[in-house]
Protein backbone atom coordinates (compact mmCIF):
# COMPACT_ATOMS: atom_id res chain seq x y z
CA MET A 1 15.61 -32.62 -94.73
CA ARG A 2 18.15 -34.96 -95.69
CA PRO A 3 16.62 -36.79 -98.52
CA ARG A 4 15.54 -33.18 -100.02
CA LYS A 5 19.06 -32.13 -100.08
CA MET A 6 20.07 -35.49 -101.77
CA LEU A 7 17.15 -34.86 -104.47
CA ALA A 8 18.28 -31.40 -104.83
CA VAL A 9 21.91 -32.55 -105.66
CA ALA A 10 20.80 -35.25 -107.75
CA GLY A 11 18.36 -32.69 -109.84
CA LEU A 12 21.44 -30.33 -110.32
CA LEU A 13 23.69 -32.91 -111.50
CA ALA A 14 20.87 -34.13 -114.00
CA VAL A 15 20.51 -30.59 -115.44
CA VAL A 16 24.21 -30.21 -115.80
CA ALA A 17 24.55 -33.58 -117.51
CA ALA A 18 21.73 -32.56 -119.68
CA ALA A 19 22.92 -29.28 -120.40
CA SER A 20 26.50 -30.67 -121.48
CA GLY A 21 25.24 -33.13 -123.84
CA CYS A 22 26.48 -34.17 -127.19
CA SER A 23 25.88 -31.95 -130.16
CA SER A 24 25.84 -32.92 -133.94
CA GLY A 25 29.10 -30.59 -135.00
CA GLN A 26 31.67 -31.71 -137.26
CA THR A 27 35.44 -31.65 -136.83
CA THR A 28 37.86 -31.39 -139.91
CA SER A 29 41.54 -31.90 -139.62
CA THR A 30 44.00 -31.40 -142.33
CA THR A 31 47.37 -32.26 -142.00
CA THR A 32 50.14 -30.75 -144.63
CA THR A 33 53.73 -32.31 -144.60
CA ARG A 34 56.35 -30.64 -146.64
CA THR A 35 59.86 -31.98 -147.03
CA THR A 36 62.65 -29.88 -148.68
CA THR A 37 66.18 -30.49 -149.17
CA LEU A 38 68.80 -28.27 -147.93
CA GLY A 39 71.40 -27.70 -150.71
CA GLY A 40 69.51 -28.11 -153.94
CA SER A 41 69.68 -31.81 -154.68
CA ALA A 42 68.66 -34.91 -152.59
CA TYR A 43 72.30 -36.39 -153.21
CA ALA A 44 75.70 -34.87 -153.42
CA ALA A 45 79.21 -36.45 -154.33
CA ASP A 46 81.54 -37.01 -151.86
CA SER A 47 85.48 -36.85 -152.45
CA GLU A 48 85.50 -40.65 -153.66
CA GLY A 49 82.46 -39.78 -155.90
CA ALA A 50 79.87 -41.96 -153.89
CA ALA A 51 76.51 -40.57 -153.42
CA VAL A 52 75.65 -38.95 -149.94
CA PRO A 53 72.16 -37.99 -148.90
CA GLN A 54 71.76 -34.27 -148.07
CA PRO A 55 70.20 -33.13 -144.87
CA GLN A 56 66.53 -32.77 -145.32
CA SER A 57 64.09 -30.47 -143.34
CA THR A 58 60.39 -31.46 -142.76
CA THR A 59 57.62 -29.33 -141.75
CA THR A 60 54.29 -30.70 -140.53
CA THR A 61 51.32 -28.39 -140.22
CA THR A 62 48.00 -29.60 -138.71
CA THR A 63 44.91 -27.51 -138.88
CA THR A 64 41.81 -28.50 -137.20
CA THR A 65 38.47 -26.63 -137.25
CA SER A 66 35.23 -27.50 -135.57
CA SER A 67 31.56 -26.50 -136.26
CA GLU A 68 30.52 -27.51 -132.94
CA PRO A 69 28.47 -25.10 -131.17
CA ASP A 70 29.01 -24.39 -127.28
CA SER A 71 27.09 -26.54 -124.85
CA VAL A 72 24.04 -24.51 -122.98
CA LEU A 73 26.10 -24.57 -119.90
CA GLY A 74 29.50 -23.56 -121.68
CA ALA A 75 27.39 -20.85 -123.58
CA ALA A 76 26.36 -19.73 -120.05
CA PHE A 77 29.52 -19.61 -118.72
CA HIS A 78 31.03 -17.84 -121.83
CA LEU A 79 28.30 -15.23 -121.22
CA VAL A 80 29.24 -14.50 -117.55
CA GLY A 81 32.90 -14.29 -118.51
CA THR A 82 32.12 -11.77 -121.13
CA ILE A 83 30.18 -9.63 -118.78
CA ILE A 84 32.54 -9.97 -115.95
CA LEU A 85 35.63 -8.92 -118.18
CA LEU A 86 33.56 -6.04 -120.15
CA PRO A 87 34.49 -3.13 -117.80
CA PHE A 88 38.13 -4.12 -118.04
CA ARG A 89 38.10 -4.00 -121.65
CA ILE A 90 36.45 -0.78 -121.71
CA ILE A 91 39.20 0.65 -119.03
CA GLY A 92 41.85 -0.86 -121.20
CA LEU A 93 40.67 0.99 -124.16
CA VAL A 94 40.51 4.21 -122.37
CA VAL A 95 43.76 4.07 -120.69
């Protein structure tokens, strides 16, 4: 009986590995950096007339989008989670 259990476990692992295989989706990443000067100009004069750099604020935004579909296993778990949460969402809408 033990060899059958090992074969069943190996078969289950093979199915999980095949179901979560690679897909041909694309991932796009966009990075935008904006530097703004606080106070109007990049340099100001101190009391002696020397140029002093002004403080700057830098904002970096990264947006990543993916067109990669769920794997078969991931889609199945997503479906099960949606079915389990459905009654709670309905109750939340009623209450």
